[in-house]
Amino acid sequence: MLRLENPVGGEVNPDLSTTKADKFSHGFGIPGMREIAERYHGTLDADVKDGCFILFICLMI
């Protein structure tokens, strides 16, 4: 299991999609990472709480 926390520096979209102008030139994005986790029989949960972005990834190894 992996847990990551990062402070949020601005507005957050309700669906956690990027707020960057160029949406296709950076990172994997939450949907892509969730698809990878599910492909390997794992889970990915993401949330924003108390000014922090929190990501939980659980994979079977």
PDB file of N, CA and C in Angstrom:
ATOM      1  N   MET A   1       0.855  -1.166   0.000  1.00  0.00           N
ATOM      2  CA  MET A   1       0.000   0.000   0.000  1.00  0.00           C
ATOM      3  C   MET A   1       0.899   1.226   0.000  1.00  0.00           C
ATOM      4  N   LEU A   2       0.443   2.239  -0.679  1.00  0.00           N
ATOM      5  CA  LEU A   2       1.162   3.496  -0.760  1.00  0.00           C
ATOM      6  C   LEU A   2       0.195   4.620  -0.434  1.00  0.00           C
ATOM      7  N   ARG A   3       0.624   5.534   0.424  1.00  0.00           N
ATOM      8  CA  ARG A   3      -0.181   6.704   0.756  1.00  0.00           C
ATOM      9  C   ARG A   3       0.680   7.935   0.503  1.00  0.00           C
ATOM     10  N   LEU A   4       0.125   8.869  -0.250  1.00  0.00           N
ATOM     11  CA  LEU A   4       0.817  10.114  -0.538  1.00  0.00           C
ATOM     12  C   LEU A   4      -0.049  11.279  -0.105  1.00  0.00           C
ATOM     13  N   GLU A   5       0.567  12.291   0.461  1.00  0.00           N
ATOM     14  CA  GLU A   5      -0.133  13.522   0.817  1.00  0.00           C
ATOM     15  C   GLU A   5       0.658  14.697   0.267  1.00  0.00           C
ATOM     16  N   ASN A   6      -0.083  15.670  -0.253  1.00  0.00           N
ATOM     17  CA  ASN A   6       0.545  16.855  -0.797  1.00  0.00           C
ATOM     18  C   ASN A   6      -0.362  18.048  -0.519  1.00  0.00           C
ATOM     19  N   PRO A   7       0.186  19.165  -0.041  1.00  0.00           N
ATOM     20  CA  PRO A   7      -0.673  20.331   0.198  1.00  0.00           C
ATOM     21  C   PRO A   7      -1.296  20.833  -1.104  1.00  0.00           C
ATOM     22  N   VAL A   8      -2.500  21.305  -1.002  1.00  0.00           N
ATOM     23  CA  VAL A   8      -3.217  21.855  -2.154  1.00  0.00           C
ATOM     24  C   VAL A   8      -2.974  23.357  -2.172  1.00  0.00           C
ATOM     25  N   GLY A   9      -2.520  23.874  -3.325  1.00  0.00           N
ATOM     26  CA  GLY A   9      -2.175  25.286  -3.415  1.00  0.00           C
ATOM     27  C   GLY A   9      -3.229  26.156  -4.068  1.00  0.00           C
ATOM     28  N   GLY A  10      -4.391  25.597  -4.381  1.00  0.00           N
ATOM     29  CA  GLY A  10      -5.415  26.396  -5.039  1.00  0.00           C
ATOM     30  C   GLY A  10      -6.720  25.638  -5.143  1.00  0.00           C
ATOM     31  N   GLU A  11      -7.516  26.042  -6.119  1.00  0.00           N
ATOM     32  CA  GLU A  11      -8.807  25.397  -6.337  1.00  0.00           C
ATOM     33  C   GLU A  11      -8.627  23.954  -6.800  1.00  0.00           C
ATOM     34  N   VAL A  12      -9.572  23.106  -6.420  1.00  0.00           N
ATOM     35  CA  VAL A  12      -9.559  21.705  -6.818  1.00  0.00           C
ATOM     36  C   VAL A  12     -10.890  21.395  -7.488  1.00  0.00           C
ATOM     37  N   ASN A  13     -10.830  20.782  -8.675  1.00  0.00           N
ATOM     38  CA  ASN A  13     -12.054  20.365  -9.351  1.00  0.00           C
ATOM     39  C   ASN A  13     -12.707  19.224  -8.569  1.00  0.00           C
ATOM     40  N   PRO A  14     -14.036  19.186  -8.511  1.00  0.00           N
ATOM     41  CA  PRO A  14     -14.724  18.113  -7.760  1.00  0.00           C
ATOM     42  C   PRO A  14     -14.344  16.705  -8.214  1.00  0.00           C
ATOM     43  N   ASP A  15     -14.053  16.537  -9.507  1.00  0.00           N
ATOM     44  CA  ASP A  15     -13.668  15.217 -10.007  1.00  0.00           C
ATOM     45  C   ASP A  15     -12.154  14.990  -9.963  1.00  0.00           C
ATOM     46  N   LEU A  16     -11.423  15.916  -9.350  1.00  0.00           N
ATOM     47  CA  LEU A  16      -9.968  15.873  -9.189  1.00  0.00           C
ATOM     48  C   LEU A  16      -9.220  15.959 -10.517  1.00  0.00           C
ATOM     49  N   SER A  17      -9.879  16.401 -11.576  1.00  0.00           N
ATOM     50  CA  SER A  17      -9.195  16.586 -12.856  1.00  0.00           C
ATOM     51  C   SER A  17      -8.266  17.797 -12.761  1.00  0.00           C
ATOM     52  N   THR A  18      -7.296  17.842 -13.653  1.00  0.00           N
ATOM     53  CA  THR A  18      -6.296  18.904 -13.624  1.00  0.00           C
ATOM     54  C   THR A  18      -6.913  20.290 -13.829  1.00  0.00           C
ATOM     55  N   THR A  19      -6.275  21.271 -13.254  1.00  0.00           N
ATOM     56  CA  THR A  19      -6.679  22.663 -13.458  1.00  0.00           C
ATOM     57  C   THR A  19      -5.709  23.370 -14.399  1.00  0.00           C
ATOM     58  N   LYS A  20      -4.700  22.643 -14.890  1.00  0.00           N
ATOM     59  CA  LYS A  20      -3.703  23.224 -15.791  1.00  0.00           C
ATOM     60  C   LYS A  20      -4.309  23.480 -17.165  1.00  0.00           C
ATOM     61  N   ALA A  21      -3.832  24.519 -17.832  1.00  0.00           N
ATOM     62  CA  ALA A  21      -4.358  24.889 -19.153  1.00  0.00           C
ATOM     63  C   ALA A  21      -4.095  23.806 -20.191  1.00  0.00           C
ATOM     64  N   ASP A  22      -2.892  23.234 -20.212  1.00  0.00           N
ATOM     65  CA  ASP A  22      -2.538  22.190 -21.173  1.00  0.00           C
ATOM     66  C   ASP A  22      -2.738  20.837 -20.494  1.00  0.00           C
ATOM     67  N   LYS A  23      -3.907  20.269 -20.644  1.00  0.00           N
ATOM     68  CA  LYS A  23      -4.294  19.069 -19.908  1.00  0.00           C
ATOM     69  C   LYS A  23      -3.643  17.790 -20.417  1.00  0.00           C
ATOM     70  N   PHE A  24      -3.023  17.817 -21.591  1.00  0.00           N
ATOM     71  CA  PHE A  24      -2.512  16.587 -22.180  1.00  0.00           C
ATOM     72  C   PHE A  24      -0.989  16.466 -22.151  1.00  0.00           C
ATOM     73  N   SER A  25      -0.297  17.444 -21.614  1.00  0.00           N
ATOM     74  CA  SER A  25       1.167  17.426 -21.661  1.00  0.00           C
ATOM     75  C   SER A  25       1.826  17.203 -20.314  1.00  0.00           C
ATOM     76  N   HIS A  26       1.135  16.559 -19.384  1.00  0.00           N
ATOM     77  CA  HIS A  26       1.765  16.292 -18.097  1.00  0.00           C
ATOM     78  C   HIS A  26       1.147  15.083 -17.431  1.00  0.00           C
ATOM     79  N   GLY A  27       1.967  14.301 -16.765  1.00  0.00           N
ATOM     80  CA  GLY A  27       1.533  13.221 -15.888  1.00  0.00           C
ATOM     81  C   GLY A  27       0.594  12.194 -16.492  1.00  0.00           C
ATOM     82  N   PHE A  28       0.217  11.241 -15.663  1.00  0.00           N
ATOM     83  CA  PHE A  28      -0.723  10.190 -16.053  1.00  0.00           C
ATOM     84  C   PHE A  28      -2.151  10.566 -15.704  1.00  0.00           C
ATOM     85  N   GLY A  29      -2.323  11.409 -14.720  1.00  0.00           N
ATOM     86  CA  GLY A  29      -3.660  11.761 -14.282  1.00  0.00           C
ATOM     87  C   GLY A  29      -4.266  10.663 -13.421  1.00  0.00           C
ATOM     88  N   ILE A  30      -5.208  11.054 -12.601  1.00  0.00           N
ATOM     89  CA  ILE A  30      -5.870  10.106 -11.702  1.00  0.00           C
ATOM     90  C   ILE A  30      -6.561   8.985 -12.479  1.00  0.00           C
ATOM     91  N   PRO A  31      -7.317   9.282 -13.549  1.00  0.00           N
ATOM     92  CA  PRO A  31      -7.977   8.180 -14.268  1.00  0.00           C
ATOM     93  C   PRO A  31      -6.987   7.147 -14.820  1.00  0.00           C
ATOM     94  N   GLY A  32      -5.876   7.606 -15.358  1.00  0.00           N
ATOM     95  CA  GLY A  32      -4.880   6.679 -15.886  1.00  0.00           C
ATOM     96  C   GLY A  32      -4.239   5.833 -14.802  1.00  0.00           C
ATOM     97  N   MET A  33      -3.932   6.447 -13.676  1.00  0.00           N
ATOM     98  CA  MET A  33      -3.337   5.696 -12.566  1.00  0.00           C
ATOM     99  C   MET A  33      -4.339   4.704 -11.986  1.00  0.00           C
ATOM    100  N   ARG A  34      -5.626   5.109 -11.927  1.00  0.00           N
ATOM    101  CA  ARG A  34      -6.664   4.196 -11.423  1.00  0.00           C
ATOM    102  C   ARG A  34      -6.797   2.980 -12.354  1.00  0.00           C
ATOM    103  N   GLU A  35      -6.748   3.211 -13.654  1.00  0.00           N
ATOM    104  CA  GLU A  35      -6.846   2.111 -14.618  1.00  0.00           C
ATOM    105  C   GLU A  35      -5.683   1.140 -14.444  1.00  0.00           C
ATOM    106  N   ILE A  36      -4.485   1.645 -14.233  1.00  0.00           N
ATOM    107  CA  ILE A  36      -3.313   0.792 -14.017  1.00  0.00           C
ATOM    108  C   ILE A  36      -3.477  -0.010 -12.737  1.00  0.00           C
ATOM    109  N   ALA A  37      -3.918   0.622 -11.658  1.00  0.00           N
ATOM    110  CA  ALA A  37      -4.124  -0.094 -10.394  1.00  0.00           C
ATOM    111  C   ALA A  37      -5.152  -1.217 -10.576  1.00  0.00           C
ATOM    112  N   GLU A  38      -6.253  -0.921 -11.241  1.00  0.00           N
ATOM    113  CA  GLU A  38      -7.290  -1.933 -11.443  1.00  0.00           C
ATOM    114  C   GLU A  38      -6.820  -3.062 -12.355  1.00  0.00           C
ATOM    115  N   ARG A  39      -6.000  -2.739 -13.348  1.00  0.00           N
ATOM    116  CA  ARG A  39      -5.462  -3.761 -14.246  1.00  0.00           C
ATOM    117  C   ARG A  39      -4.667  -4.801 -13.461  1.00  0.00           C
ATOM    118  N   TYR A  40      -4.015  -4.367 -12.400  1.00  0.00           N
ATOM    119  CA  TYR A  40      -3.218  -5.276 -11.574  1.00  0.00           C
ATOM    120  C   TYR A  40      -3.947  -5.658 -10.288  1.00  0.00           C
ATOM    121  N   HIS A  41      -5.278  -5.654 -10.341  1.00  0.00           N
ATOM    122  CA  HIS A  41      -6.156  -6.107  -9.253  1.00  0.00           C
ATOM    123  C   HIS A  41      -5.963  -5.309  -7.963  1.00  0.00           C
ATOM    124  N   GLY A  42      -5.719  -4.017  -8.120  1.00  0.00           N
ATOM    125  CA  GLY A  42      -5.557  -3.132  -6.975  1.00  0.00           C
ATOM    126  C   GLY A  42      -6.609  -2.045  -6.974  1.00  0.00           C
ATOM    127  N   THR A  43      -6.421  -1.074  -6.097  1.00  0.00           N
ATOM    128  CA  THR A  43      -7.346   0.046  -5.994  1.00  0.00           C
ATOM    129  C   THR A  43      -6.568   1.349  -5.883  1.00  0.00           C
ATOM    130  N   LEU A  44      -7.230   2.417  -6.241  1.00  0.00           N
ATOM    131  CA  LEU A  44      -6.696   3.760  -6.069  1.00  0.00           C
ATOM    132  C   LEU A  44      -7.832   4.629  -5.564  1.00  0.00           C
ATOM    133  N   ASP A  45      -7.589   5.320  -4.478  1.00  0.00           N
ATOM    134  CA  ASP A  45      -8.551   6.270  -3.923  1.00  0.00           C
ATOM    135  C   ASP A  45      -7.851   7.602  -3.764  1.00  0.00           C
ATOM    136  N   ALA A  46      -8.544   8.673  -4.143  1.00  0.00           N
ATOM    137  CA  ALA A  46      -7.980  10.018  -4.021  1.00  0.00           C
ATOM    138  C   ALA A  46      -9.029  10.936  -3.431  1.00  0.00           C
ATOM    139  N   ASP A  47      -8.563  11.898  -2.624  1.00  0.00           N
ATOM    140  CA  ASP A  47      -9.480  12.823  -1.978  1.00  0.00           C
ATOM    141  C   ASP A  47      -8.706  14.086  -1.607  1.00  0.00           C
ATOM    142  N   VAL A  48      -9.439  15.137  -1.346  1.00  0.00           N
ATOM    143  CA  VAL A  48      -8.862  16.359  -0.804  1.00  0.00           C
ATOM    144  C   VAL A  48      -9.531  16.601   0.535  1.00  0.00           C
ATOM    145  N   LYS A  49      -8.706  16.760   1.580  1.00  0.00           N
ATOM    146  CA  LYS A  49      -9.238  16.949   2.929  1.00  0.00           C
ATOM    147  C   LYS A  49      -8.317  17.871   3.706  1.00  0.00           C
ATOM    148  N   ASP A  50      -8.902  18.853   4.325  1.00  0.00           N
ATOM    149  CA  ASP A  50      -8.150  19.792   5.173  1.00  0.00           C
ATOM    150  C   ASP A  50      -6.946  20.397   4.457  1.00  0.00           C
ATOM    151  N   GLY A  51      -7.125  20.770   3.190  1.00  0.00           N
ATOM    152  CA  GLY A  51      -6.060  21.422   2.441  1.00  0.00           C
ATOM    153  C   GLY A  51      -4.978  20.511   1.914  1.00  0.00           C
ATOM    154  N   CYS A  52      -5.205  19.185   1.976  1.00  0.00           N
ATOM    155  CA  CYS A  52      -4.227  18.218   1.469  1.00  0.00           C
ATOM    156  C   CYS A  52      -4.872  17.284   0.457  1.00  0.00           C
ATOM    157  N   PHE A  53      -4.142  17.008  -0.619  1.00  0.00           N
ATOM    158  CA  PHE A  53      -4.523  15.971  -1.568  1.00  0.00           C
ATOM    159  C   PHE A  53      -3.985  14.672  -1.003  1.00  0.00           C
ATOM    160  N   ILE A  54      -4.834  13.656  -0.897  1.00  0.00           N
ATOM    161  CA  ILE A  54      -4.446  12.374  -0.322  1.00  0.00           C
ATOM    162  C   ILE A  54      -4.716  11.286  -1.358  1.00  0.00           C
ATOM    163  N   LEU A  55      -3.715  10.467  -1.619  1.00  0.00           N
ATOM    164  CA  LEU A  55      -3.813   9.395  -2.591  1.00  0.00           C
ATOM    165  C   LEU A  55      -3.447   8.081  -1.914  1.00  0.00           C
ATOM    166  N   PHE A  56      -4.319   7.081  -2.028  1.00  0.00           N
ATOM    167  CA  PHE A  56      -4.059   5.729  -1.535  1.00  0.00           C
ATOM    168  C   PHE A  56      -4.028   4.789  -2.726  1.00  0.00           C
ATOM    169  N   ILE A  57      -2.957   4.027  -2.850  1.00  0.00           N
ATOM    170  CA  ILE A  57      -2.860   3.003  -3.888  1.00  0.00           C
ATOM    171  C   ILE A  57      -2.560   1.682  -3.190  1.00  0.00           C
ATOM    172  N   CYS A  58      -3.335   0.685  -3.526  1.00  0.00           N
ATOM    173  CA  CYS A  58      -3.137  -0.640  -2.942  1.00  0.00           C
ATOM    174  C   CYS A  58      -3.021  -1.649  -4.096  1.00  0.00           C
ATOM    175  N   LEU A  59      -1.915  -2.366  -4.150  1.00  0.00           N
ATOM    176  CA  LEU A  59      -1.680  -3.359  -5.199  1.00  0.00           C
ATOM    177  C   LEU A  59      -1.363  -4.707  -4.583  1.00  0.00           C
ATOM    178  N   MET A  60      -1.828  -5.760  -5.234  1.00  0.00           N
ATOM    179  CA  MET A  60      -1.493  -7.112  -4.807  1.00  0.00           C
ATOM    180  C   MET A  60      -0.132  -7.476  -5.405  1.00  0.00           C
ATOM    181  N   ILE A  61       0.816  -7.882  -4.552  1.00  0.00           N
ATOM    182  CA  ILE A  61       2.124  -8.277  -5.064  1.00  0.00           C
ATOM    183  C   ILE A  61       2.481  -9.673  -4.578  1.00  0.00           C
TER     184      ILE A  61
END
